[in-house]
Amino acid sequence: MPGLYLAAIIVSAAGVALLDRRFRLAAWDSPGRTAAAVGIGTAFFLLWDAVGIATGVFVKGDSVLLLGIDLAPELPLEEPFFLAFLCYLALVLWAGARRALSRRAGTDAASPRTSAREGA
């Protein structure tokens, strides 16, 4: 079923965004910094992919789950979406773990903005 992989990425990202919204971990707390972190991370991993493709380490392979649209040789359309999702998920997990650990330690780091203001 073509497009199922991209649909799974989008549905998963929506789930992470709902958790982010509920707990104000990343994008709902600091949208500019979140966009910058996800954008820089995605660009880095796309560059990493380009090096891997150029050296023959990364190959796309065939799957009926892909749309079949390539942005470059061996680089399917789904790859940037996956990389952006990976960066966003890592950021939300990091923010959630940071908050949980700070609450466990007795400090209140409810948001990165709060912590930045307190440290200034």
C-alpha atoms as a PDB file:
ATOM      1  CA  MET A   1       0.000   0.000   0.000  1.00  0.00           C
ATOM      2  CA  PRO A   2       1.932   3.046  -1.237  1.00  0.00           C
ATOM      3  CA  GLY A   3       2.102   5.931   1.211  1.00  0.00           C
ATOM      4  CA  LEU A   4       1.530   3.867   4.348  1.00  0.00           C
ATOM      5  CA  TYR A   5       5.014   4.646   5.691  1.00  0.00           C
ATOM      6  CA  LEU A   6       4.510   8.401   5.270  1.00  0.00           C
ATOM      7  CA  ALA A   7       1.049   8.146   6.833  1.00  0.00           C
ATOM      8  CA  ALA A   8       2.526   6.287   9.830  1.00  0.00           C
ATOM      9  CA  ILE A   9       5.145   9.005  10.278  1.00  0.00           C
ATOM     10  CA  ILE A  10       2.514  11.757  10.144  1.00  0.00           C
ATOM     11  CA  VAL A  11       0.167   9.968  12.565  1.00  0.00           C
ATOM     12  CA  SER A  12       3.066   9.333  14.946  1.00  0.00           C
ATOM     13  CA  ALA A  13       4.159  12.970  14.750  1.00  0.00           C
ATOM     14  CA  ALA A  14       0.584  14.051  15.493  1.00  0.00           C
ATOM     15  CA  GLY A  15       0.589  11.844  18.593  1.00  0.00           C
ATOM     16  CA  VAL A  16       3.853  13.351  19.789  1.00  0.00           C
ATOM     17  CA  ALA A  17       2.480  16.840  19.084  1.00  0.00           C
ATOM     18  CA  LEU A  18      -0.574  16.075  21.225  1.00  0.00           C
ATOM     19  CA  LEU A  19       1.673  15.022  24.102  1.00  0.00           C
ATOM     20  CA  ASP A  20       3.772  18.128  23.531  1.00  0.00           C
ATOM     21  CA  ARG A  21       0.656  20.287  23.600  1.00  0.00           C
ATOM     22  CA  ARG A  22      -0.715  18.631  26.730  1.00  0.00           C
ATOM     23  CA  PHE A  23       2.501  19.025  28.717  1.00  0.00           C
ATOM     24  CA  ARG A  24       3.945  22.096  26.909  1.00  0.00           C
ATOM     25  CA  LEU A  25       7.301  20.415  26.423  1.00  0.00           C
ATOM     26  CA  ALA A  26       8.708  21.872  23.212  1.00  0.00           C
ATOM     27  CA  ALA A  27       6.710  23.501  20.410  1.00  0.00           C
ATOM     28  CA  TRP A  28       3.922  24.768  22.650  1.00  0.00           C
ATOM     29  CA  ASP A  29       6.424  26.194  25.105  1.00  0.00           C
ATOM     30  CA  SER A  30       8.962  27.636  22.695  1.00  0.00           C
ATOM     31  CA  PRO A  31       7.910  27.326  19.036  1.00  0.00           C
ATOM     32  CA  GLY A  32      10.832  29.259  17.562  1.00  0.00           C
ATOM     33  CA  ARG A  33      13.508  27.279  19.353  1.00  0.00           C
ATOM     34  CA  THR A  34      11.716  24.023  18.589  1.00  0.00           C
ATOM     35  CA  ALA A  35      11.483  24.854  14.881  1.00  0.00           C
ATOM     36  CA  ALA A  36      15.160  25.807  14.816  1.00  0.00           C
ATOM     37  CA  ALA A  37      16.243  22.630  16.614  1.00  0.00           C
ATOM     38  CA  VAL A  38      14.130  20.391  14.381  1.00  0.00           C
ATOM     39  CA  GLY A  39      15.237  22.243  11.237  1.00  0.00           C
ATOM     40  CA  ILE A  40      18.937  22.134  12.107  1.00  0.00           C
ATOM     41  CA  GLY A  41      18.715  18.489  13.162  1.00  0.00           C
ATOM     42  CA  THR A  42      16.863  17.513   9.993  1.00  0.00           C
ATOM     43  CA  ALA A  43      19.391  19.363   7.814  1.00  0.00           C
ATOM     44  CA  PHE A  44      22.264  17.649   9.638  1.00  0.00           C
ATOM     45  CA  PHE A  45      20.775  14.201   9.145  1.00  0.00           C
ATOM     46  CA  LEU A  46      19.974  14.910   5.477  1.00  0.00           C
ATOM     47  CA  LEU A  47      23.630  15.867   5.003  1.00  0.00           C
ATOM     48  CA  TRP A  48      24.586  12.666   6.826  1.00  0.00           C
ATOM     49  CA  ASP A  49      22.308  10.721   4.443  1.00  0.00           C
ATOM     50  CA  ALA A  50      23.883  12.443   1.433  1.00  0.00           C
ATOM     51  CA  VAL A  51      27.360  11.377   2.568  1.00  0.00           C
ATOM     52  CA  GLY A  52      26.111   7.841   3.207  1.00  0.00           C
ATOM     53  CA  ILE A  53      24.452   7.677  -0.202  1.00  0.00           C
ATOM     54  CA  ALA A  54      27.542   9.083  -1.960  1.00  0.00           C
ATOM     55  CA  THR A  55      29.784   6.486  -0.313  1.00  0.00           C
ATOM     56  CA  GLY A  56      27.381   3.658  -1.057  1.00  0.00           C
ATOM     57  CA  VAL A  57      26.626   2.933   2.597  1.00  0.00           C
ATOM     58  CA  PHE A  58      22.939   3.906   2.395  1.00  0.00           C
ATOM     59  CA  VAL A  59      20.622   2.409  -0.200  1.00  0.00           C
ATOM     60  CA  LYS A  60      16.884   2.884  -0.427  1.00  0.00           C
ATOM     61  CA  GLY A  61      15.739  -0.623  -1.187  1.00  0.00           C
ATOM     62  CA  ASP A  62      12.281  -1.421  -2.458  1.00  0.00           C
ATOM     63  CA  SER A  63       9.099  -1.316  -0.445  1.00  0.00           C
ATOM     64  CA  VAL A  64       5.454  -1.198  -1.362  1.00  0.00           C
ATOM     65  CA  LEU A  65       4.970   1.142   1.632  1.00  0.00           C
ATOM     66  CA  LEU A  66       6.904   4.013  -0.002  1.00  0.00           C
ATOM     67  CA  LEU A  67       5.238   6.452  -2.390  1.00  0.00           C
ATOM     68  CA  GLY A  68       7.922   5.839  -4.988  1.00  0.00           C
ATOM     69  CA  ILE A  69       8.946   9.492  -5.241  1.00  0.00           C
ATOM     70  CA  ASP A  70      12.669  10.133  -4.888  1.00  0.00           C
ATOM     71  CA  LEU A  71      14.081  13.535  -3.992  1.00  0.00           C
ATOM     72  CA  ALA A  72      17.511  12.335  -5.107  1.00  0.00           C
ATOM     73  CA  PRO A  73      18.961   8.953  -6.000  1.00  0.00           C
ATOM     74  CA  GLU A  74      18.428   6.628  -3.014  1.00  0.00           C
ATOM     75  CA  LEU A  75      16.594   9.378  -1.075  1.00  0.00           C
ATOM     76  CA  PRO A  76      12.845   8.760  -0.866  1.00  0.00           C
ATOM     77  CA  LEU A  77      10.346  11.539  -0.196  1.00  0.00           C
ATOM     78  CA  GLU A  78       9.595  10.029   3.204  1.00  0.00           C
ATOM     79  CA  GLU A  79      13.146  10.492   4.512  1.00  0.00           C
ATOM     80  CA  PRO A  80      12.978  14.214   5.431  1.00  0.00           C
ATOM     81  CA  PHE A  81       9.645  13.602   7.167  1.00  0.00           C
ATOM     82  CA  PHE A  82      11.146  10.744   9.153  1.00  0.00           C
ATOM     83  CA  LEU A  83      14.201  12.782  10.098  1.00  0.00           C
ATOM     84  CA  ALA A  84      12.085  15.755  11.215  1.00  0.00           C
ATOM     85  CA  PHE A  85       9.907  13.378  13.246  1.00  0.00           C
ATOM     86  CA  LEU A  86      13.001  11.808  14.795  1.00  0.00           C
ATOM     87  CA  CYS A  87      14.355  15.220  15.821  1.00  0.00           C
ATOM     88  CA  TYR A  88      11.002  16.371  17.203  1.00  0.00           C
ATOM     89  CA  LEU A  89      10.495  13.124  19.125  1.00  0.00           C
ATOM     90  CA  ALA A  90      13.986  13.367  20.625  1.00  0.00           C
ATOM     91  CA  LEU A  91      13.350  16.974  21.671  1.00  0.00           C
ATOM     92  CA  VAL A  92      10.003  16.130  23.306  1.00  0.00           C
ATOM     93  CA  LEU A  93      11.507  13.109  25.095  1.00  0.00           C
ATOM     94  CA  TRP A  94      14.450  15.195  26.309  1.00  0.00           C
ATOM     95  CA  ALA A  95      12.160  17.955  27.604  1.00  0.00           C
ATOM     96  CA  GLY A  96       9.877  15.430  29.290  1.00  0.00           C
ATOM     97  CA  ALA A  97      12.776  13.608  30.945  1.00  0.00           C
ATOM     98  CA  ARG A  98      14.289  16.905  32.055  1.00  0.00           C
ATOM     99  CA  ARG A  99      11.023  17.971  33.625  1.00  0.00           C
ATOM    100  CA  ALA A 100      10.480  14.601  35.329  1.00  0.00           C
ATOM    101  CA  LEU A 101      14.006  14.549  36.732  1.00  0.00           C
ATOM    102  CA  SER A 102      13.800  18.127  37.975  1.00  0.00           C
ATOM    103  CA  ARG A 103      10.503  17.438  39.724  1.00  0.00           C
ATOM    104  CA  ARG A 104      11.948  14.314  41.272  1.00  0.00           C
ATOM    105  CA  ALA A 105      14.910  16.341  42.534  1.00  0.00           C
ATOM    106  CA  GLY A 106      12.527  18.909  44.007  1.00  0.00           C
ATOM    107  CA  THR A 107      13.249  21.740  41.607  1.00  0.00           C
ATOM    108  CA  ASP A 108      10.608  23.072  39.280  1.00  0.00           C
ATOM    109  CA  ALA A 109      11.846  23.231  35.704  1.00  0.00           C
ATOM    110  CA  ALA A 110       8.357  23.351  34.257  1.00  0.00           C
ATOM    111  CA  SER A 111       9.637  24.854  31.046  1.00  0.00           C
ATOM    112  CA  PRO A 112      12.944  25.758  29.437  1.00  0.00           C
ATOM    113  CA  ARG A 113      11.879  29.407  29.492  1.00  0.00           C
ATOM    114  CA  THR A 114      11.328  29.313  33.262  1.00  0.00           C
ATOM    115  CA  SER A 115      14.732  27.734  33.807  1.00  0.00           C
ATOM    116  CA  ALA A 116      16.443  30.261  31.539  1.00  0.00           C
ATOM    117  CA  ARG A 117      14.849  33.189  33.379  1.00  0.00           C
ATOM    118  CA  GLU A 118      15.752  31.775  36.780  1.00  0.00           C
ATOM    119  CA  GLY A 119      19.374  31.315  35.769  1.00  0.00           C
ATOM    120  CA  ALA A 120      19.740  34.861  34.487  1.00  0.00           C
END
